[in-house]
Amino acid sequence: MAQQWITPAGSLGNLLFGVPASIQLESFDNTHSGATAIWAISGANTLPTGLTLSPTGLLSGTPVRPTND
C-alpha cells in the first residue's frame, strides 16, 4: 500500500493582524509505517506576510496587514 497522509479538516481559528500566532499542524500516516510528515506550502501558494511554516508543521509568526503602495 502506498503511503498516504491524512490531515483532518478543520479551522485554524481567527488569525489577527499584529497578533502573534503559533499553531501546531498534525497529520497521521494511515499505513502505520512510522514515517514522519514534512510540511510545506505546495505550488504557487503562499502564507500571509509574517507567517512561516516549519517542516515539522509549526505555523507561526505575526501576520502583517498588506499595504497598498
N, C-alpha and C. Protein backbone atom coordinates (compact mmCIF):
# COMPACT_ATOMS: atom_id res chain seq x y z
N MET A 1 0.84 -1.18 0.00
CA MET A 1 0.00 0.00 0.00
C MET A 1 0.88 1.24 0.00
N ALA A 2 0.56 2.18 -0.85
CA ALA A 2 1.31 3.43 -0.91
C ALA A 2 1.05 4.26 0.34
N GLN A 3 2.10 4.96 0.75
CA GLN A 3 1.96 5.81 1.93
C GLN A 3 1.01 6.95 1.63
N GLN A 4 0.08 7.19 2.53
CA GLN A 4 -0.88 8.28 2.39
C GLN A 4 -0.91 9.05 3.69
N TRP A 5 -0.92 10.36 3.57
CA TRP A 5 -1.00 11.21 4.76
C TRP A 5 -2.39 11.80 4.82
N ILE A 6 -2.95 11.81 5.99
CA ILE A 6 -4.28 12.36 6.19
C ILE A 6 -4.18 13.51 7.17
N THR A 7 -4.70 14.64 6.77
CA THR A 7 -4.75 15.82 7.64
C THR A 7 -6.22 16.10 7.93
N PRO A 8 -6.64 15.99 9.17
CA PRO A 8 -8.04 16.24 9.49
C PRO A 8 -8.48 17.63 9.07
N ALA A 9 -9.68 17.72 8.53
CA ALA A 9 -10.23 19.02 8.14
C ALA A 9 -10.56 19.82 9.39
N GLY A 10 -10.48 21.11 9.27
CA GLY A 10 -10.83 21.94 10.40
C GLY A 10 -10.36 23.37 10.19
N SER A 11 -10.66 24.18 11.13
CA SER A 11 -10.32 25.59 11.07
C SER A 11 -9.07 25.87 11.87
N LEU A 12 -8.30 26.83 11.41
CA LEU A 12 -7.15 27.30 12.17
C LEU A 12 -7.56 28.37 13.16
N GLY A 13 -8.83 28.72 13.15
CA GLY A 13 -9.30 29.79 14.02
C GLY A 13 -9.08 31.13 13.34
N ASN A 14 -9.19 32.18 14.08
CA ASN A 14 -9.02 33.52 13.54
C ASN A 14 -7.60 34.00 13.81
N LEU A 15 -6.87 34.26 12.73
CA LEU A 15 -5.55 34.87 12.86
C LEU A 15 -5.73 36.37 12.66
N LEU A 16 -5.23 37.16 13.58
CA LEU A 16 -5.41 38.60 13.54
C LEU A 16 -4.12 39.30 13.19
N PHE A 17 -4.22 40.34 12.36
CA PHE A 17 -3.05 41.14 12.00
C PHE A 17 -2.42 41.71 13.27
N GLY A 18 -1.10 41.60 13.38
CA GLY A 18 -0.37 42.18 14.50
C GLY A 18 -0.38 41.35 15.77
N VAL A 19 -1.05 40.19 15.75
CA VAL A 19 -1.13 39.35 16.94
C VAL A 19 -0.33 38.06 16.68
N PRO A 20 0.69 37.79 17.49
CA PRO A 20 1.49 36.59 17.28
C PRO A 20 0.63 35.32 17.33
N ALA A 21 0.99 34.35 16.49
CA ALA A 21 0.26 33.08 16.43
C ALA A 21 1.26 31.94 16.44
N SER A 22 0.85 30.82 16.99
CA SER A 22 1.66 29.60 16.98
C SER A 22 0.69 28.43 16.98
N ILE A 23 0.63 27.71 15.85
CA ILE A 23 -0.32 26.61 15.70
C ILE A 23 0.45 25.39 15.19
N GLN A 24 0.35 24.29 15.92
CA GLN A 24 1.00 23.05 15.50
C GLN A 24 0.03 22.24 14.65
N LEU A 25 0.36 22.04 13.37
CA LEU A 25 -0.47 21.24 12.49
C LEU A 25 -0.14 19.76 12.71
N GLU A 26 -1.13 18.91 12.49
CA GLU A 26 -0.94 17.48 12.71
C GLU A 26 -1.48 16.68 11.55
N SER A 27 -0.90 15.52 11.32
CA SER A 27 -1.40 14.56 10.34
C SER A 27 -1.03 13.18 10.82
N PHE A 28 -1.56 12.16 10.18
CA PHE A 28 -1.14 10.81 10.53
C PHE A 28 -1.01 9.97 9.27
N ASP A 29 -0.17 8.98 9.37
CA ASP A 29 0.15 8.07 8.28
C ASP A 29 -0.76 6.85 8.41
N ASN A 30 -1.70 6.70 7.48
CA ASN A 30 -2.66 5.61 7.62
C ASN A 30 -2.08 4.24 7.30
N THR A 31 -0.82 4.16 6.87
CA THR A 31 -0.19 2.86 6.64
C THR A 31 0.57 2.40 7.88
N HIS A 32 0.65 3.26 8.88
CA HIS A 32 1.33 2.94 10.14
C HIS A 32 2.79 2.54 9.93
N SER A 33 3.44 3.20 8.98
CA SER A 33 4.83 2.87 8.67
C SER A 33 5.81 3.50 9.65
N GLY A 34 5.34 4.45 10.44
CA GLY A 34 6.22 5.13 11.38
C GLY A 34 6.95 6.32 10.77
N ALA A 35 6.66 6.61 9.50
CA ALA A 35 7.29 7.75 8.82
C ALA A 35 6.79 9.06 9.43
N THR A 36 7.55 10.11 9.21
CA THR A 36 7.21 11.44 9.70
C THR A 36 6.89 12.36 8.53
N ALA A 37 5.80 13.10 8.65
CA ALA A 37 5.42 14.05 7.60
C ALA A 37 6.38 15.23 7.59
N ILE A 38 6.65 15.75 6.41
CA ILE A 38 7.40 17.00 6.27
C ILE A 38 6.44 18.00 5.65
N TRP A 39 6.19 19.07 6.36
CA TRP A 39 5.20 20.06 5.95
C TRP A 39 5.84 21.10 5.01
N ALA A 40 5.06 21.53 4.01
CA ALA A 40 5.50 22.56 3.08
C ALA A 40 4.28 23.17 2.40
N ILE A 41 4.43 24.37 1.89
CA ILE A 41 3.40 25.02 1.09
C ILE A 41 3.59 24.54 -0.34
N SER A 42 2.53 24.08 -0.96
CA SER A 42 2.67 23.49 -2.30
C SER A 42 2.46 24.50 -3.42
N GLY A 43 3.16 24.25 -4.51
CA GLY A 43 2.98 25.03 -5.73
C GLY A 43 3.19 26.52 -5.53
N ALA A 44 2.30 27.29 -6.13
CA ALA A 44 2.41 28.75 -6.10
C ALA A 44 1.70 29.35 -4.88
N ASN A 45 1.24 28.51 -3.96
CA ASN A 45 0.55 29.01 -2.77
C ASN A 45 1.55 29.69 -1.83
N THR A 46 1.07 30.65 -1.08
CA THR A 46 1.92 31.36 -0.13
C THR A 46 1.15 31.57 1.17
N LEU A 47 1.90 31.81 2.23
CA LEU A 47 1.30 32.20 3.50
C LEU A 47 1.22 33.72 3.57
N PRO A 48 0.34 34.25 4.40
CA PRO A 48 0.32 35.70 4.60
C PRO A 48 1.68 36.18 5.10
N THR A 49 2.04 37.40 4.75
CA THR A 49 3.30 38.00 5.20
C THR A 49 3.37 37.94 6.72
N GLY A 50 4.53 37.52 7.23
CA GLY A 50 4.75 37.45 8.66
C GLY A 50 4.58 36.05 9.23
N LEU A 51 3.99 35.12 8.46
CA LEU A 51 3.81 33.76 8.94
C LEU A 51 4.78 32.81 8.24
N THR A 52 5.23 31.79 8.96
CA THR A 52 6.08 30.76 8.39
C THR A 52 5.52 29.39 8.77
N LEU A 53 5.89 28.40 7.97
CA LEU A 53 5.53 27.01 8.24
C LEU A 53 6.81 26.20 8.29
N SER A 54 7.08 25.60 9.44
CA SER A 54 8.29 24.79 9.59
C SER A 54 8.06 23.40 9.00
N PRO A 55 9.12 22.67 8.69
CA PRO A 55 8.97 21.30 8.18
C PRO A 55 8.28 20.37 9.18
N THR A 56 8.26 20.75 10.46
CA THR A 56 7.60 19.93 11.47
C THR A 56 6.13 20.29 11.66
N GLY A 57 5.65 21.28 10.89
CA GLY A 57 4.23 21.64 10.92
C GLY A 57 3.87 22.77 11.86
N LEU A 58 4.85 23.53 12.31
CA LEU A 58 4.55 24.66 13.18
C LEU A 58 4.29 25.90 12.32
N LEU A 59 3.06 26.39 12.38
CA LEU A 59 2.68 27.63 11.69
C LEU A 59 2.82 28.73 12.72
N SER A 60 3.71 29.68 12.47
CA SER A 60 3.97 30.69 13.50
C SER A 60 4.36 32.03 12.88
N GLY A 61 4.29 33.04 13.71
CA GLY A 61 4.67 34.38 13.32
C GLY A 61 3.57 35.38 13.66
N THR A 62 3.74 36.59 13.16
CA THR A 62 2.75 37.67 13.38
C THR A 62 2.28 38.14 12.02
N PRO A 63 1.03 37.86 11.67
CA PRO A 63 0.53 38.29 10.35
C PRO A 63 0.59 39.81 10.23
N VAL A 64 1.05 40.26 9.07
CA VAL A 64 1.21 41.69 8.79
C VAL A 64 0.13 42.10 7.79
N ARG A 65 -0.54 43.19 8.09
CA ARG A 65 -1.58 43.70 7.18
C ARG A 65 -0.91 44.18 5.90
N PRO A 66 -1.43 43.74 4.72
CA PRO A 66 -0.87 44.20 3.46
C PRO A 66 -1.03 45.71 3.31
N THR A 67 -0.07 46.34 2.66
CA THR A 67 -0.17 47.79 2.41
C THR A 67 -0.34 48.02 0.91
N ASN A 68 -1.01 49.08 0.59
CA ASN A 68 -1.17 49.49 -0.82
C ASN A 68 -0.12 50.53 -1.13
N ASP A 69 0.80 50.20 -2.02
CA ASP A 69 1.88 51.15 -2.37
C ASP A 69 1.42 52.06 -3.48
